[in-house]
Protein backbone atom coordinates (compact mmCIF):
# COMPACT_ATOMS: atom_id res chain seq x y z
CA UNK A 1 -29.52 98.54 167.08
CA UNK A 2 -28.86 102.29 166.92
CA UNK A 3 -31.83 103.05 169.16
CA UNK A 4 -30.68 100.46 171.71
CA UNK A 5 -27.21 102.04 171.77
CA UNK A 6 -28.75 105.50 172.18
CA UNK A 7 -30.87 104.31 175.12
CA UNK A 8 -27.85 102.69 176.77
CA UNK A 9 -25.74 105.84 176.34
CA UNK A 10 -28.57 107.99 177.69
CA UNK A 11 -28.56 105.94 180.90
CA UNK A 12 -24.87 106.67 181.41
CA UNK A 13 -23.40 103.52 179.90
CA UNK A 14 -20.71 103.17 177.26
CA UNK A 15 -22.00 102.24 173.83
CA UNK A 16 -19.96 101.30 170.77
CA UNK A 17 -21.48 100.57 167.37
CA UNK A 18 -19.76 98.42 164.77
CA UNK A 19 -21.23 99.60 161.48
CA UNK A 20 -21.24 96.83 158.88
CA UNK A 21 -22.96 98.56 155.96
CA UNK A 22 -22.33 101.57 153.79
CA UNK A 23 -22.58 105.16 155.07
CA UNK A 24 -26.16 105.68 156.22
CA UNK A 25 -28.30 108.29 157.96
CA UNK A 26 -28.46 106.09 161.06
CA UNK A 27 -24.66 106.13 161.31
CA UNK A 28 -24.61 109.91 161.13
CA UNK A 29 -27.34 109.98 163.78
CA UNK A 30 -25.05 108.01 166.12
CA UNK A 31 -22.71 110.98 166.28
CA UNK A 32 -25.41 113.07 167.96
CA UNK A 33 -25.18 111.17 171.25
CA UNK A 34 -22.20 109.91 173.28
CA UNK A 35 -21.53 106.73 171.33
CA UNK A 36 -18.32 105.42 169.78
CA UNK A 37 -18.49 104.02 166.27
CA UNK A 38 -16.28 101.81 164.13
CA UNK A 39 -16.82 100.92 160.50
CA UNK A 40 -16.16 97.34 159.44
CA UNK A 41 -14.82 98.66 156.13
CA UNK A 42 -12.08 100.60 157.95
CA UNK A 43 -10.65 97.61 159.83
CA UNK A 44 -7.56 95.83 158.46
CA UNK A 45 -8.12 92.09 158.15
CA UNK A 46 -5.59 89.31 157.49
CA UNK A 47 -5.71 88.12 153.88
CA UNK A 48 -6.59 84.56 154.96
CA UNK A 49 -9.88 85.83 156.35
CA UNK A 50 -11.24 86.61 152.88
CA UNK A 51 -9.61 83.69 151.07
CA UNK A 52 -12.20 81.91 148.97
CA UNK A 53 -12.95 78.20 149.20
CA UNK A 54 -15.60 75.48 148.85
CA UNK A 55 -19.17 76.60 149.57
CA UNK A 56 -18.13 80.05 150.83
CA UNK A 57 -20.10 83.17 149.93
CA UNK A 58 -20.34 86.83 150.93
CA UNK A 59 -22.43 86.45 154.10
CA UNK A 60 -20.04 83.89 155.62
CA UNK A 61 -17.03 86.10 154.86
CA UNK A 62 -18.83 89.05 156.46
CA UNK A 63 -19.61 87.02 159.58
CA UNK A 64 -15.91 86.15 159.91
CA UNK A 65 -14.98 89.81 159.60
CA UNK A 66 -17.49 90.74 162.30
CA UNK A 67 -15.96 88.13 164.64
CA UNK A 68 -12.43 89.45 163.98
CA UNK A 69 -13.52 93.06 164.55
CA UNK A 70 -15.44 92.28 167.73
CA UNK A 71 -12.45 90.44 169.18
CA UNK A 72 -10.27 93.48 168.59
CA UNK A 73 -12.82 95.93 169.96
CA UNK A 74 -13.55 93.78 173.01
CA UNK A 75 -9.82 93.60 173.82
CA UNK A 76 -9.78 97.41 173.90
CA UNK A 77 -13.09 98.19 175.59
CA UNK A 78 -14.13 95.07 177.56
CA UNK A 79 -17.82 95.02 176.67
CA UNK A 80 -20.37 93.62 179.11
CA UNK A 81 -22.96 92.98 176.39
CA UNK A 82 -22.70 92.52 172.65
CA UNK A 83 -25.97 92.88 170.77
CA UNK A 84 -26.25 91.36 167.31
CA UNK A 85 -28.96 91.04 164.66
CA UNK A 86 -29.89 87.63 163.34
CA UNK A 87 -30.36 89.10 159.85
CA UNK A 88 -27.73 88.04 157.26
CA UNK A 89 -26.00 85.82 159.84
CA UNK A 90 -23.71 88.67 160.91
CA UNK A 91 -23.26 87.23 164.39
CA UNK A 92 -23.10 83.57 163.34
CA UNK A 93 -19.34 83.05 163.69
CA UNK A 94 -19.23 85.20 166.83
CA UNK A 95 -21.74 82.89 168.50
CA UNK A 96 -19.81 79.81 167.33
CA UNK A 97 -16.67 81.27 168.93
CA UNK A 98 -18.53 81.73 172.21
CA UNK A 99 -20.15 78.29 172.05
CA UNK A 100 -16.72 76.68 171.63
CA UNK A 101 -15.02 78.69 174.38
CA UNK A 102 -12.75 80.66 172.03
CA UNK A 103 -13.92 84.20 172.79
CA UNK A 104 -16.30 86.40 174.80
CA UNK A 105 -16.46 84.14 177.85
CA UNK A 106 -17.16 87.19 180.04
CA UNK A 107 -19.69 88.76 177.68
CA UNK A 108 -23.42 88.35 177.35
CA UNK A 109 -24.30 88.10 173.65
CA UNK A 110 -27.87 89.12 172.88
CA UNK A 111 -29.48 88.53 169.51
CA UNK A 112 -32.18 90.97 168.49
CA UNK A 113 -34.71 89.53 166.01
CA UNK A 114 -35.16 91.77 162.97
CA UNK A 115 -36.90 89.31 160.67
CA UNK A 116 -35.50 86.19 159.08
CA UNK A 117 -34.43 86.27 155.45
CA UNK A 118 -36.67 83.25 154.86
CA UNK A 119 -39.66 85.32 156.00
CA UNK A 120 -38.75 88.08 153.54
CA UNK A 121 -38.29 85.52 150.78
CA UNK A 122 -41.74 84.10 151.40
CA UNK A 123 -43.26 87.59 151.51
CA UNK A 124 -41.80 88.25 148.06
CA UNK A 125 -42.87 84.76 146.87
CA UNK A 126 -39.31 83.73 146.06
CA UNK A 127 -38.41 80.05 145.95
CA UNK A 128 -35.59 78.55 148.03
CA UNK A 129 -33.30 77.13 145.34
CA UNK A 130 -29.77 78.30 146.16
CA UNK A 131 -27.52 76.40 148.63
CA UNK A 132 -26.20 79.77 149.82
CA UNK A 133 -29.72 80.78 150.84
CA UNK A 134 -30.13 77.48 152.72
CA UNK A 135 -26.85 78.13 154.54
CA UNK A 136 -27.89 81.69 155.35
CA UNK A 137 -31.20 80.48 156.79
CA UNK A 138 -29.24 78.11 159.02
CA UNK A 139 -26.87 80.86 160.18
CA UNK A 140 -29.81 83.08 161.14
CA UNK A 141 -31.62 80.29 163.02
CA UNK A 142 -28.37 79.37 164.80
CA UNK A 143 -27.98 82.99 165.89
CA UNK A 144 -31.46 83.07 167.37
CA UNK A 145 -31.00 79.72 169.09
CA UNK A 146 -27.66 80.42 170.71
CA UNK A 147 -28.16 84.09 171.53
CA UNK A 148 -28.48 85.06 175.18
CA UNK A 149 -32.10 84.02 175.29
CA UNK A 150 -31.26 80.58 173.88
CA UNK A 151 -29.92 77.46 175.60
CA UNK A 152 -27.09 77.90 178.07
CA UNK A 153 -23.71 76.35 177.35
CA UNK A 154 -23.52 72.88 178.86
CA UNK A 155 -21.15 72.55 181.83
CA UNK A 156 -17.56 71.29 181.45
CA UNK A 157 -17.01 67.54 181.49
CA UNK A 158 -13.68 67.51 183.35
CA UNK A 159 -12.76 68.92 186.73
CA UNK A 160 -11.38 72.45 186.56
CA UNK A 161 -7.63 72.55 185.93
CA UNK A 162 -7.39 68.92 184.78
CA UNK A 163 -5.96 68.10 181.36
CA UNK A 164 -7.92 65.21 179.84
CA UNK A 165 -5.93 62.70 177.82
CA UNK A 166 -6.19 63.11 174.04
CA UNK A 167 -5.53 60.19 171.69
CA UNK A 168 -4.17 61.15 168.26
CA UNK A 169 -4.27 58.57 165.48
CA UNK A 170 -2.12 59.06 162.35
CA UNK A 171 -2.92 56.53 159.59
CA UNK A 172 0.08 56.19 157.26
CA UNK A 173 0.28 54.74 153.77
CA UNK A 174 3.10 55.54 151.31
CA UNK A 175 3.49 59.16 152.47
CA UNK A 176 7.20 59.10 153.23
CA UNK A 177 7.71 62.61 151.83
CA UNK A 178 5.44 64.18 154.44
CA UNK A 179 5.35 62.10 157.63
CA UNK A 180 8.22 63.88 159.37
CA UNK A 181 6.58 67.29 158.93
CA UNK A 182 3.29 65.97 160.30
CA UNK A 183 4.80 64.29 163.35
CA UNK A 184 7.00 67.31 164.09
CA UNK A 185 3.88 69.50 164.19
CA UNK A 186 2.34 67.07 166.71
CA UNK A 187 5.51 66.98 168.82
CA UNK A 188 5.36 70.80 169.05
CA UNK A 189 1.82 70.89 170.43
CA UNK A 190 1.30 73.24 173.38
CA UNK A 191 -0.98 70.62 174.95
CA UNK A 192 1.02 67.97 176.82
CA UNK A 193 -1.35 65.16 177.81
CA UNK A 194 -1.28 63.15 174.57
CA UNK A 195 -0.97 59.60 173.36
CA UNK A 196 -0.08 59.35 169.67
CA UNK A 197 -0.53 56.23 167.53
CA UNK A 198 1.18 56.21 164.13
CA UNK A 199 -0.17 53.22 162.20
CA UNK A 200 1.53 51.99 159.03
CA UNK A 201 -1.33 50.62 156.94
CA UNK A 202 0.77 48.17 154.93
CA UNK A 203 2.84 50.71 152.95
CA UNK A 204 4.25 49.19 149.75
CA UNK A 205 6.81 51.89 148.89
CA UNK A 206 10.29 50.99 150.17
CA UNK A 207 11.20 54.58 151.00
CA UNK A 208 7.91 55.06 152.88
CA UNK A 209 8.68 51.98 155.00
CA UNK A 210 12.20 53.28 155.70
CA UNK A 211 10.88 56.70 156.73
CA UNK A 212 8.43 55.01 159.09
CA UNK A 213 11.34 53.18 160.79
CA UNK A 214 13.35 56.41 161.04
CA UNK A 215 10.44 58.22 162.70
CA UNK A 216 10.28 55.55 165.40
CA UNK A 217 13.77 56.57 166.49
CA UNK A 218 13.09 60.28 166.21
CA UNK A 219 9.79 60.26 168.13
CA UNK A 220 10.20 57.56 170.79
CA UNK A 221 7.32 58.99 172.85
CA UNK A 222 4.90 58.12 170.01
CA UNK A 223 3.68 54.56 169.51
CA UNK A 224 4.34 53.10 166.04
CA UNK A 225 2.31 50.13 164.79
CA UNK A 226 2.29 48.00 161.61
CA UNK A 227 -0.67 46.24 160.04
CA UNK A 228 -1.76 44.58 156.82
CA UNK A 229 -3.34 47.13 154.51
CA UNK A 230 -6.96 47.71 155.62
CA UNK A 231 -7.84 51.24 154.47
CA UNK A 232 -8.14 54.53 156.29
CA UNK A 233 -11.47 53.79 157.98
CA UNK A 234 -10.25 50.53 159.52
CA UNK A 235 -6.94 52.14 160.51
CA UNK A 236 -8.65 54.98 162.33
CA UNK A 237 -10.91 52.45 164.02
CA UNK A 238 -7.90 50.55 165.28
CA UNK A 239 -6.66 53.74 166.90
CA UNK A 240 -10.14 54.37 168.30
CA UNK A 241 -10.25 50.86 169.76
CA UNK A 242 -6.88 51.32 171.52
CA UNK A 243 -7.57 54.89 172.66
CA UNK A 244 -7.30 55.66 176.36
CA UNK A 245 -8.11 59.34 175.85
CA UNK A 246 -11.41 61.03 176.58
CA UNK A 247 -10.98 62.67 173.18
CA UNK A 248 -9.97 61.12 169.86
CA UNK A 249 -8.28 63.12 167.10
CA UNK A 250 -7.47 61.61 163.67
CA UNK A 251 -4.67 63.41 161.81
CA UNK A 252 -3.75 62.60 158.20
CA UNK A 253 -0.07 61.84 157.63
CA UNK A 254 0.42 64.73 155.20
CA UNK A 255 -1.25 67.59 157.11
CA UNK A 256 0.41 70.01 159.51
CA UNK A 257 -1.10 71.01 162.84
CA UNK A 258 -0.98 74.50 164.31
CA UNK A 259 0.96 74.38 167.63
CA UNK A 260 -2.22 75.24 169.56
CA UNK A 261 -4.54 72.89 167.65
CA UNK A 262 -5.05 70.30 170.40
CA UNK A 263 -5.22 72.84 173.21
CA UNK A 264 -7.92 74.85 171.47
CA UNK A 265 -9.90 71.77 170.48
CA UNK A 266 -9.85 70.58 174.09
CA UNK A 267 -10.88 74.03 175.33
CA UNK A 268 -13.90 73.89 173.04
CA UNK A 269 -14.93 70.38 174.09
CA UNK A 270 -14.43 71.13 177.78
CA UNK A 271 -16.33 74.40 177.54
CA UNK A 272 -19.41 72.74 176.10
CA UNK A 273 -20.22 69.18 177.18
CA UNK A 274 -23.03 69.03 174.60
CA UNK A 275 -20.57 68.72 171.69
CA UNK A 276 -19.76 65.22 170.38
CA UNK A 277 -17.40 66.33 167.60
CA UNK A 278 -15.63 69.61 167.02
CA UNK A 279 -14.26 70.59 163.62
CA UNK A 280 -12.44 73.74 162.50
CA UNK A 281 -11.25 75.78 159.51
CA UNK A 282 -8.19 74.82 157.50
CA UNK A 283 -5.88 76.46 154.95
CA UNK A 284 -4.87 74.41 151.91
CA UNK A 285 -1.32 74.38 150.54
CA UNK A 286 0.77 72.24 148.17
CA UNK A 287 4.41 72.40 149.32
CA UNK A 288 5.99 73.19 152.66
CA UNK A 289 7.66 76.23 151.10
CA UNK A 290 4.19 77.60 150.31
CA UNK A 291 3.29 77.26 153.98
CA UNK A 292 6.39 79.21 155.02
CA UNK A 293 5.57 81.96 152.51
CA UNK A 294 1.88 81.94 153.50
CA UNK A 295 0.79 81.06 149.96
CA UNK A 296 -2.50 79.22 150.30
CA UNK A 297 -4.72 77.69 147.63
CA UNK A 298 -8.03 78.12 149.41
CA UNK A 299 -9.75 78.10 152.79
CA UNK A 300 -12.23 75.55 154.06
CA UNK A 301 -14.71 76.90 156.60
CA UNK A 302 -17.51 74.45 157.46
CA UNK A 303 -20.67 75.67 159.15
CA UNK A 304 -21.85 72.62 161.07
CA UNK A 305 -25.23 72.58 159.32
CA UNK A 306 -27.92 72.64 158.18
CA UNK A 307 -28.62 68.93 158.23
CA UNK A 308 -30.68 69.07 155.03
CA UNK A 309 -27.81 70.63 153.07
CA UNK A 310 -25.49 67.99 154.54
CA UNK A 311 -26.76 65.52 151.94
CA UNK A 312 -25.44 67.72 149.12
CA UNK A 313 -22.16 68.99 150.55
CA UNK A 314 -19.99 68.38 153.60
CA UNK A 315 -21.17 71.14 155.93
CA UNK A 316 -19.54 69.52 158.97
CA UNK A 317 -15.80 69.59 158.32
CA UNK A 318 -12.65 67.59 157.75
CA UNK A 319 -11.82 64.35 159.55
CA UNK A 320 -9.01 66.21 161.36
CA UNK A 321 -11.48 66.89 164.16
CA UNK A 322 -11.83 66.17 167.86
CA UNK A 323 -14.38 63.52 168.87
CA UNK A 324 -15.61 62.39 172.25
CA UNK A 325 -14.18 58.90 172.19
CA UNK A 326 -17.26 57.20 173.59
CA UNK A 327 -19.61 59.09 171.26
CA UNK A 328 -17.65 57.97 168.19
CA UNK A 329 -17.46 54.41 169.47
CA UNK A 330 -21.22 54.42 170.08
CA UNK A 331 -21.94 54.98 166.36
CA UNK A 332 -19.41 52.35 165.27
CA UNK A 333 -16.55 54.68 164.40
CA UNK A 334 -15.65 55.10 160.73
CA UNK A 335 -17.04 52.90 157.99
CA UNK A 336 -14.45 50.67 156.30
CA UNK A 337 -15.42 50.75 152.61
CA UNK A 338 -12.23 50.37 150.55
CA UNK A 339 -13.16 51.79 147.14
CA UNK A 340 -14.74 55.10 148.18
CA UNK A 341 -13.83 58.21 150.15
CA UNK A 342 -15.85 60.70 152.28
CA UNK A 343 -15.54 58.50 155.39
CA UNK A 344 -15.20 61.61 157.57
CA UNK A 345 -18.33 63.25 156.15
CA UNK A 346 -20.19 59.98 156.68
CA UNK A 347 -19.00 59.75 160.30
CA UNK A 348 -20.35 63.20 161.08
CA UNK A 349 -23.73 62.30 159.55
CA UNK A 350 -23.82 59.15 161.69
CA UNK A 351 -23.27 61.24 164.83
CA UNK A 352 -25.99 63.73 163.87
CA UNK A 353 -28.38 60.87 163.09
CA UNK A 354 -27.72 59.53 166.58
CA UNK A 355 -28.81 62.86 168.06
CA UNK A 356 -25.28 64.12 168.74
CA UNK A 357 -24.07 67.65 168.10
CA UNK A 358 -21.29 68.46 165.63
CA UNK A 359 -19.94 71.98 166.11
CA UNK A 360 -17.37 74.18 164.37
CA UNK A 361 -14.56 76.12 166.02
CA UNK A 362 -14.33 79.16 163.72
CA UNK A 363 -10.57 79.43 163.25
CA UNK A 364 -7.72 77.84 161.29
CA UNK A 365 -6.21 75.04 163.41
CA UNK A 366 -4.34 73.04 160.78
CA UNK A 367 -2.94 73.16 157.27
CA UNK A 368 -4.29 70.78 154.67
CA UNK A 369 -1.90 69.48 152.04
CA UNK A 370 -3.76 69.48 148.72
CA UNK A 371 -2.46 66.60 146.60
CA UNK A 372 -3.85 65.72 143.20
CA UNK A 373 -3.30 62.06 144.14
CA UNK A 374 -5.38 62.41 147.31
CA UNK A 375 -7.81 59.53 147.82
CA UNK A 376 -10.93 61.71 147.58
CA UNK A 377 -9.73 63.01 144.18
CA UNK A 378 -8.87 59.67 142.57
CA UNK A 379 -12.03 57.84 143.62
CA UNK A 380 -15.40 58.01 141.88
CA UNK A 381 -17.37 61.07 143.01
CA UNK A 382 -20.76 59.43 142.38
CA UNK A 383 -19.94 56.41 144.55
CA UNK A 384 -18.33 58.62 147.18
CA UNK A 385 -21.51 60.67 147.45
CA UNK A 386 -23.74 57.60 147.49
CA UNK A 387 -21.76 56.44 150.52
CA UNK A 388 -22.96 59.53 152.41
CA UNK A 389 -26.51 59.44 151.06
CA UNK A 390 -27.08 55.96 152.47
CA UNK A 391 -26.94 57.55 155.94
CA UNK A 392 -29.70 59.99 155.01
CA UNK A 393 -31.90 57.10 153.90
CA UNK A 394 -31.74 55.88 157.51
CA UNK A 395 -33.35 59.07 158.86
CA UNK A 396 -36.88 58.38 160.05
CA UNK A 397 -37.73 61.73 161.61
CA UNK A 398 -36.66 65.31 160.89
CA UNK A 399 -37.30 68.36 163.10
CA UNK A 400 -40.06 70.64 161.76
CA UNK A 401 -37.61 73.36 160.61
CA UNK A 402 -35.59 70.80 158.63
CA UNK A 403 -38.73 69.30 157.08
CA UNK A 404 -39.91 72.73 155.98
CA UNK A 405 -36.50 73.54 154.52
CA UNK A 406 -36.27 70.18 152.72
CA UNK A 407 -39.60 70.43 150.93
CA UNK A 408 -39.16 74.11 150.11
CA UNK A 409 -35.73 73.35 148.68
CA UNK A 410 -37.08 70.47 146.59
CA UNK A 411 -39.92 72.64 145.23
CA UNK A 412 -37.47 75.50 144.66
CA UNK A 413 -35.12 73.28 142.65
CA UNK A 414 -38.08 72.02 140.60
CA UNK A 415 -39.18 75.55 139.69
CA UNK A 416 -35.59 76.61 139.03
CA UNK A 417 -35.03 73.70 136.63
CA UNK A 418 -38.35 74.43 134.91
CA UNK A 419 -37.32 78.07 134.50
CA UNK A 420 -33.93 77.06 133.07
CA UNK A 421 -35.62 74.68 130.62
CA UNK A 422 -38.02 77.40 129.50
CA UNK A 423 -35.16 79.85 129.05
CA UNK A 424 -33.31 77.23 127.00
CA UNK A 425 -36.33 76.66 124.74
CA UNK A 426 -36.72 80.41 124.24
CA UNK A 427 -33.04 80.77 123.41
CA UNK A 428 -33.19 77.85 120.96
CA UNK A 429 -36.21 79.42 119.25
CA UNK A 430 -34.44 82.77 118.99
CA UNK A 431 -31.26 81.15 117.68
CA UNK A 432 -33.29 79.10 115.19
CA UNK A 433 -35.06 82.20 113.89
CA UNK A 434 -31.76 84.04 113.54
CA UNK A 435 -30.24 81.03 111.77
CA UNK A 436 -33.04 80.93 109.22
CA UNK A 437 -32.79 84.69 108.65
CA UNK A 438 -29.04 84.35 108.19
CA UNK A 439 -29.54 81.50 105.68
CA UNK A 440 -32.10 83.58 103.78
CA UNK A 441 -29.62 86.46 103.54
CA UNK A 442 -26.87 84.10 102.34
CA UNK A 443 -29.19 82.66 99.68
CA UNK A 444 -30.10 86.12 98.46
CA UNK A 445 -26.41 87.06 98.30
CA UNK A 446 -25.65 83.83 96.44
CA UNK A 447 -28.42 84.52 93.90
CA UNK A 448 -27.16 88.04 93.39
CA UNK A 449 -23.57 86.86 92.90
CA UNK A 450 -24.69 84.05 90.57
CA UNK A 451 -26.82 86.41 88.53
CA UNK A 452 -24.00 88.92 88.23
CA UNK A 453 -21.58 86.15 87.13
CA UNK A 454 -23.98 84.88 84.47
CA UNK A 455 -24.59 88.32 83.07
């Protein structure tokens, strides 16, 4: 990267290097030619950017920081080209932002191959046995695929300047304490062309029913519907069936949308007609006061893949996502099982199995209310996960890269478990030997004490 910047500066162009590592001889060398430099470590980042959460690790945090820094630098210098390495997934989130129309629309992003981490792992004869390594491999492959030499962004699906209709479906069941906050956040959306269905799924709590009636008067431009209790999957499907919008967006009745959530989702879908579903980051909170004070429990930042890891954890995102209405209808919408959760995870797997693309918009677009009584927390985790796994059983063919990853991961887990078992046996042997030595010492002490007492 340094040599490329030096060559560009030598030809009279402006070069700017964002240094992501520690102080290094190459960084000092940059100061010998006309090249601006910035150190990632010197940039001030919002605290939410490094907030920990499910399945996050150092490389993903670093990729987010690179995206934030590049946005700031591009606003100042207006780059024509941004060159990134694929190594360590540093440019992963930056490329996701470009793919979803959120940044760098006027910039060519080039990815320079420096050697995949998987290649280095194989050279050192290291097994693939850590989900973080699987995720990192995906981030590097994504960077190579969607760099400047990769596929072009698919053309928009709506005429320029038009605002496609978006259907929002809010399933509601006994959440009277939160519905007003949720609907207010939807009423404040910066995107105007909406139809909103609020569906009472047979609430049994008297106050929840009363709140539902009150909201009808407060939000007359929303459509309120009642039904016999059918579960969240069936309720979302009812909204999907009635939807007139090109895009369908389920919103849980206890979450809070950012004012620009719909607008930015639509921008991403319109920018890239290849995307069937677009998810995003969220920030988790407990009470509304925590949201006001910016006190968050954790961050959720899905990656959109890899498919193989999608059988172990939800890599795709929350159900508060934007779907192409016809694409979701084509796979049958959401499944309607009543005693298990993970219906959103399952829906994304169904889309991917159908050959559709699920992408991630790398920014926080809504706030997730973490409740201990949430359905995914009070249902059986084993049965919830089995619900998702049944979709993987349906897969008949996997791309070569996924097949290679799957079998390497399986072999890696096998060797890792064998190593753990061997370490356990060694530890047990050592503990046993120490126990016997300790018993021998105690017996000797006892004999000495007994002998002294007798004498």
